[in-house]
Amino acid sequence: MWAMAKSSDKSARTRAREFALQGLYQHLVGRGDPADIDAFTRGLTGFHKADSAHYDALLHGCIAEGPQLDERLAPLLDRPVAELSPVEHAALWIGAYEFLHCPDVPWRVVINESVELAKSFGGTDGHKFVNGVLNRLAPLVRGEEVLRDPARRP
């Protein structure tokens, strides 16, 4: 599907996000069975280096909560959800899901990782779009954490 760049520099969680993005892409484009997508993705080269628990949470959580994630994202978009590229859509799902369900991942890391996914796998400026949307979502779902961030204070 896609080649992974400089895999030796990547954390197991970063790899999990990359594999989850690939699985979510398959789901968004082909609407395949999540179990089949999961089995295919686990068979890809390098999967053994990924954090499989985080991958499971992202792939299955995003698919299960897709409509709810889209509802949260829709007011922050400059176009209808249906017009998002599958890569941008999957990166936004991953970011929104991590904001909501992975409090151990700092909000800035959530945004950075999602932006990196969009840079690596998406179109030319898709990462800017993902960055803008997730920066608007962060205070809505991680308000306390964002307010405590010294870099956000005037």
C-alpha atoms as a PDB file:
ATOM      1  CA  MET A   1       0.000   0.000   0.000  1.00  0.00           C
ATOM      2  CA  TRP A   2       2.322   2.796   1.234  1.00  0.00           C
ATOM      3  CA  ALA A   3       5.984   2.672   2.053  1.00  0.00           C
ATOM      4  CA  MET A   4       7.030   3.583   5.563  1.00  0.00           C
ATOM      5  CA  ALA A   5       9.868   6.115   5.666  1.00  0.00           C
ATOM      6  CA  LYS A   6      12.760   5.870   8.123  1.00  0.00           C
ATOM      7  CA  SER A   7      11.028   3.204  10.176  1.00  0.00           C
ATOM      8  CA  SER A   8      13.931   2.906  12.600  1.00  0.00           C
ATOM      9  CA  ASP A   9      13.184   6.406  13.927  1.00  0.00           C
ATOM     10  CA  LYS A  10       9.529   5.750  14.692  1.00  0.00           C
ATOM     11  CA  SER A  11       7.935   4.843  18.001  1.00  0.00           C
ATOM     12  CA  ALA A  12       5.601   1.869  18.304  1.00  0.00           C
ATOM     13  CA  ARG A  13       2.684   4.278  18.762  1.00  0.00           C
ATOM     14  CA  THR A  14       3.597   6.252  15.639  1.00  0.00           C
ATOM     15  CA  ARG A  15       3.691   2.989  13.704  1.00  0.00           C
ATOM     16  CA  ALA A  16       0.313   2.021  15.185  1.00  0.00           C
ATOM     17  CA  ARG A  17      -1.149   5.300  13.906  1.00  0.00           C
ATOM     18  CA  GLU A  18       0.294   4.706  10.450  1.00  0.00           C
ATOM     19  CA  PHE A  19      -1.183   1.230  10.220  1.00  0.00           C
ATOM     20  CA  ALA A  20      -4.493   2.463  11.639  1.00  0.00           C
ATOM     21  CA  LEU A  21      -4.553   5.217   9.003  1.00  0.00           C
ATOM     22  CA  GLN A  22      -4.058   2.613   6.288  1.00  0.00           C
ATOM     23  CA  GLY A  23      -6.860   0.473   7.683  1.00  0.00           C
ATOM     24  CA  LEU A  24      -9.175   3.469   8.050  1.00  0.00           C
ATOM     25  CA  TYR A  25      -8.373   4.482   4.483  1.00  0.00           C
ATOM     26  CA  GLN A  26      -9.511   1.032   3.338  1.00  0.00           C
ATOM     27  CA  HIS A  27     -12.662   1.379   5.416  1.00  0.00           C
ATOM     28  CA  LEU A  28     -13.485   4.853   4.117  1.00  0.00           C
ATOM     29  CA  VAL A  29     -12.839   3.974   0.473  1.00  0.00           C
ATOM     30  CA  GLY A  30     -14.139   0.427   0.282  1.00  0.00           C
ATOM     31  CA  ARG A  31     -16.406   0.056   3.325  1.00  0.00           C
ATOM     32  CA  GLY A  32     -14.866  -3.369   3.862  1.00  0.00           C
ATOM     33  CA  ASP A  33     -15.469  -5.536   6.879  1.00  0.00           C
ATOM     34  CA  PRO A  34     -13.386  -4.252   9.810  1.00  0.00           C
ATOM     35  CA  ALA A  35     -12.180  -7.785  10.620  1.00  0.00           C
ATOM     36  CA  ASP A  36     -10.922  -8.259   7.042  1.00  0.00           C
ATOM     37  CA  ILE A  37      -9.239  -4.839   7.072  1.00  0.00           C
ATOM     38  CA  ASP A  38      -7.649  -5.662  10.428  1.00  0.00           C
ATOM     39  CA  ALA A  39      -6.341  -9.027   9.197  1.00  0.00           C
ATOM     40  CA  PHE A  40      -4.924  -7.468   6.027  1.00  0.00           C
ATOM     41  CA  THR A  41      -3.256  -4.607   7.901  1.00  0.00           C
ATOM     42  CA  ARG A  42      -1.691  -6.930  10.477  1.00  0.00           C
ATOM     43  CA  GLY A  43      -0.092  -8.796   7.577  1.00  0.00           C
ATOM     44  CA  LEU A  44       1.715  -5.716   6.259  1.00  0.00           C
ATOM     45  CA  THR A  45       5.480  -5.503   6.562  1.00  0.00           C
ATOM     46  CA  GLY A  46       6.586  -3.950   9.828  1.00  0.00           C
ATOM     47  CA  PHE A  47       3.332  -4.397  11.736  1.00  0.00           C
ATOM     48  CA  HIS A  48       5.151  -6.387  14.425  1.00  0.00           C
ATOM     49  CA  LYS A  49       6.961  -3.160  15.405  1.00  0.00           C
ATOM     50  CA  ALA A  50       3.686  -1.300  16.034  1.00  0.00           C
ATOM     51  CA  ASP A  51       1.874  -0.931  19.354  1.00  0.00           C
ATOM     52  CA  SER A  52      -0.872  -3.405  18.508  1.00  0.00           C
ATOM     53  CA  ALA A  53      -3.111  -2.379  21.417  1.00  0.00           C
ATOM     54  CA  HIS A  54      -3.043   1.256  20.281  1.00  0.00           C
ATOM     55  CA  TYR A  55      -3.627   0.169  16.684  1.00  0.00           C
ATOM     56  CA  ASP A  56      -6.646  -1.900  17.797  1.00  0.00           C
ATOM     57  CA  ALA A  57      -8.079   1.027  19.754  1.00  0.00           C
ATOM     58  CA  LEU A  58      -7.638   3.420  16.829  1.00  0.00           C
ATOM     59  CA  LEU A  59      -8.836   1.184  14.008  1.00  0.00           C
ATOM     60  CA  HIS A  60     -11.817  -0.379  15.737  1.00  0.00           C
ATOM     61  CA  GLY A  61     -12.655   2.688  17.839  1.00  0.00           C
ATOM     62  CA  CYS A  62     -12.663   5.060  14.870  1.00  0.00           C
ATOM     63  CA  ILE A  63     -14.769   2.697  12.776  1.00  0.00           C
ATOM     64  CA  ALA A  64     -17.254   2.131  15.612  1.00  0.00           C
ATOM     65  CA  GLU A  65     -17.463   5.829  16.478  1.00  0.00           C
ATOM     66  CA  GLY A  66     -17.111   7.199  12.940  1.00  0.00           C
ATOM     67  CA  PRO A  67     -20.520   8.912  12.847  1.00  0.00           C
ATOM     68  CA  GLN A  68     -19.970  10.510  16.279  1.00  0.00           C
ATOM     69  CA  LEU A  69     -16.461  11.632  15.330  1.00  0.00           C
ATOM     70  CA  ASP A  70     -17.844  13.147  12.117  1.00  0.00           C
ATOM     71  CA  GLU A  71     -20.485  15.025  14.153  1.00  0.00           C
ATOM     72  CA  ARG A  72     -17.765  16.561  16.330  1.00  0.00           C
ATOM     73  CA  LEU A  73     -15.602  17.443  13.344  1.00  0.00           C
ATOM     74  CA  ALA A  74     -18.289  18.734  10.943  1.00  0.00           C
ATOM     75  CA  PRO A  75     -18.759  22.200  12.523  1.00  0.00           C
ATOM     76  CA  LEU A  76     -15.006  22.796  12.281  1.00  0.00           C
ATOM     77  CA  LEU A  77     -14.667  21.888   8.593  1.00  0.00           C
ATOM     78  CA  ASP A  78     -14.690  24.202   5.594  1.00  0.00           C
ATOM     79  CA  ARG A  79     -16.476  21.554   3.495  1.00  0.00           C
ATOM     80  CA  PRO A  80     -18.882  18.663   4.033  1.00  0.00           C
ATOM     81  CA  VAL A  81     -17.401  15.536   5.626  1.00  0.00           C
ATOM     82  CA  ALA A  82     -18.211  13.617   2.426  1.00  0.00           C
ATOM     83  CA  GLU A  83     -15.795  15.874   0.503  1.00  0.00           C
ATOM     84  CA  LEU A  84     -12.775  15.132   2.714  1.00  0.00           C
ATOM     85  CA  SER A  85     -10.005  13.088   1.167  1.00  0.00           C
ATOM     86  CA  PRO A  86      -9.860   9.638   2.777  1.00  0.00           C
ATOM     87  CA  VAL A  87      -6.394  10.396   4.204  1.00  0.00           C
ATOM     88  CA  GLU A  88      -7.502  13.701   5.773  1.00  0.00           C
ATOM     89  CA  HIS A  89     -10.655  12.022   7.067  1.00  0.00           C
ATOM     90  CA  ALA A  90      -8.710   9.147   8.639  1.00  0.00           C
ATOM     91  CA  ALA A  91      -6.102  11.500  10.165  1.00  0.00           C
ATOM     92  CA  LEU A  92      -8.887  13.639  11.655  1.00  0.00           C
ATOM     93  CA  TRP A  93     -10.629  10.549  13.040  1.00  0.00           C
ATOM     94  CA  ILE A  94      -7.382   9.418  14.668  1.00  0.00           C
ATOM     95  CA  GLY A  95      -6.807  12.851  16.186  1.00  0.00           C
ATOM     96  CA  ALA A  96     -10.369  13.210  17.434  1.00  0.00           C
ATOM     97  CA  TYR A  97     -10.386   9.667  18.811  1.00  0.00           C
ATOM     98  CA  GLU A  98      -7.110  10.192  20.673  1.00  0.00           C
ATOM     99  CA  PHE A  99      -8.370  13.492  22.102  1.00  0.00           C
ATOM    100  CA  LEU A 100     -11.440  11.713  23.443  1.00  0.00           C
ATOM    101  CA  HIS A 101     -10.071   8.335  24.528  1.00  0.00           C
ATOM    102  CA  CYS A 102      -6.301   8.614  25.066  1.00  0.00           C
ATOM    103  CA  PRO A 103      -5.754  11.129  27.867  1.00  0.00           C
ATOM    104  CA  ASP A 104      -2.208   9.799  28.283  1.00  0.00           C
ATOM    105  CA  VAL A 105      -1.330  11.316  24.901  1.00  0.00           C
ATOM    106  CA  PRO A 106      -0.786  15.082  25.308  1.00  0.00           C
ATOM    107  CA  TRP A 107      -2.982  17.233  23.102  1.00  0.00           C
ATOM    108  CA  ARG A 108      -0.016  18.698  21.221  1.00  0.00           C
ATOM    109  CA  VAL A 109       1.251  15.185  20.466  1.00  0.00           C
ATOM    110  CA  VAL A 110      -2.183  14.201  19.143  1.00  0.00           C
ATOM    111  CA  ILE A 111      -2.119  17.129  16.731  1.00  0.00           C
ATOM    112  CA  ASN A 112       1.505  16.615  15.708  1.00  0.00           C
ATOM    113  CA  GLU A 113       1.040  12.907  15.018  1.00  0.00           C
ATOM    114  CA  SER A 114      -2.117  13.510  12.966  1.00  0.00           C
ATOM    115  CA  VAL A 115      -0.409  16.268  10.989  1.00  0.00           C
ATOM    116  CA  GLU A 116       2.546  13.960  10.304  1.00  0.00           C
ATOM    117  CA  LEU A 117       0.146  11.287   9.029  1.00  0.00           C
ATOM    118  CA  ALA A 118      -1.406  13.800   6.646  1.00  0.00           C
ATOM    119  CA  LYS A 119       2.058  14.936   5.503  1.00  0.00           C
ATOM    120  CA  SER A 120       3.278  11.386   4.916  1.00  0.00           C
ATOM    121  CA  PHE A 121       0.210   9.932   3.232  1.00  0.00           C
ATOM    122  CA  GLY A 122      -1.949  12.829   2.065  1.00  0.00           C
ATOM    123  CA  GLY A 123      -2.001  15.549  -0.520  1.00  0.00           C
ATOM    124  CA  THR A 124       0.184  18.626  -0.668  1.00  0.00           C
ATOM    125  CA  ASP A 125      -1.597  20.858   1.854  1.00  0.00           C
ATOM    126  CA  GLY A 126      -3.772  18.311   3.652  1.00  0.00           C
ATOM    127  CA  HIS A 127      -1.594  18.539   6.739  1.00  0.00           C
ATOM    128  CA  LYS A 128      -2.394  22.251   7.092  1.00  0.00           C
ATOM    129  CA  PHE A 129      -6.097  21.472   7.003  1.00  0.00           C
ATOM    130  CA  VAL A 130      -5.737  18.681   9.604  1.00  0.00           C
ATOM    131  CA  ASN A 131      -3.673  21.006  11.816  1.00  0.00           C
ATOM    132  CA  GLY A 132      -6.272  23.766  11.658  1.00  0.00           C
ATOM    133  CA  VAL A 133      -9.224  21.502  12.417  1.00  0.00           C
ATOM    134  CA  LEU A 134      -7.541  19.722  15.327  1.00  0.00           C
ATOM    135  CA  ASN A 135      -6.289  22.994  16.805  1.00  0.00           C
ATOM    136  CA  ARG A 136      -9.921  24.157  16.912  1.00  0.00           C
ATOM    137  CA  LEU A 137     -11.118  20.814  18.320  1.00  0.00           C
ATOM    138  CA  ALA A 138      -8.510  20.612  21.107  1.00  0.00           C
ATOM    139  CA  PRO A 139      -9.998  23.315  23.378  1.00  0.00           C
ATOM    140  CA  LEU A 140     -13.463  21.838  22.896  1.00  0.00           C
ATOM    141  CA  VAL A 141     -12.547  18.341  24.083  1.00  0.00           C
ATOM    142  CA  ARG A 142      -9.353  18.909  26.096  1.00  0.00           C
ATOM    143  CA  GLY A 143     -10.151  22.386  27.424  1.00  0.00           C
ATOM    144  CA  GLU A 144      -8.497  22.029  30.831  1.00  0.00           C
ATOM    145  CA  GLU A 145      -5.309  20.606  29.349  1.00  0.00           C
ATOM    146  CA  VAL A 146      -5.121  23.277  26.640  1.00  0.00           C
ATOM    147  CA  LEU A 147      -5.682  26.049  29.204  1.00  0.00           C
ATOM    148  CA  ARG A 148      -2.898  24.680  31.421  1.00  0.00           C
ATOM    149  CA  ASP A 149      -0.450  24.694  28.526  1.00  0.00           C
ATOM    150  CA  PRO A 150       2.003  27.546  29.180  1.00  0.00           C
ATOM    151  CA  ALA A 151       2.630  27.975  25.446  1.00  0.00           C
ATOM    152  CA  ARG A 152      -1.049  28.874  24.914  1.00  0.00           C
ATOM    153  CA  ARG A 153      -1.067  31.732  27.454  1.00  0.00           C
ATOM    154  CA  PRO A 154      -0.873  35.320  26.154  1.00  0.00           C
END
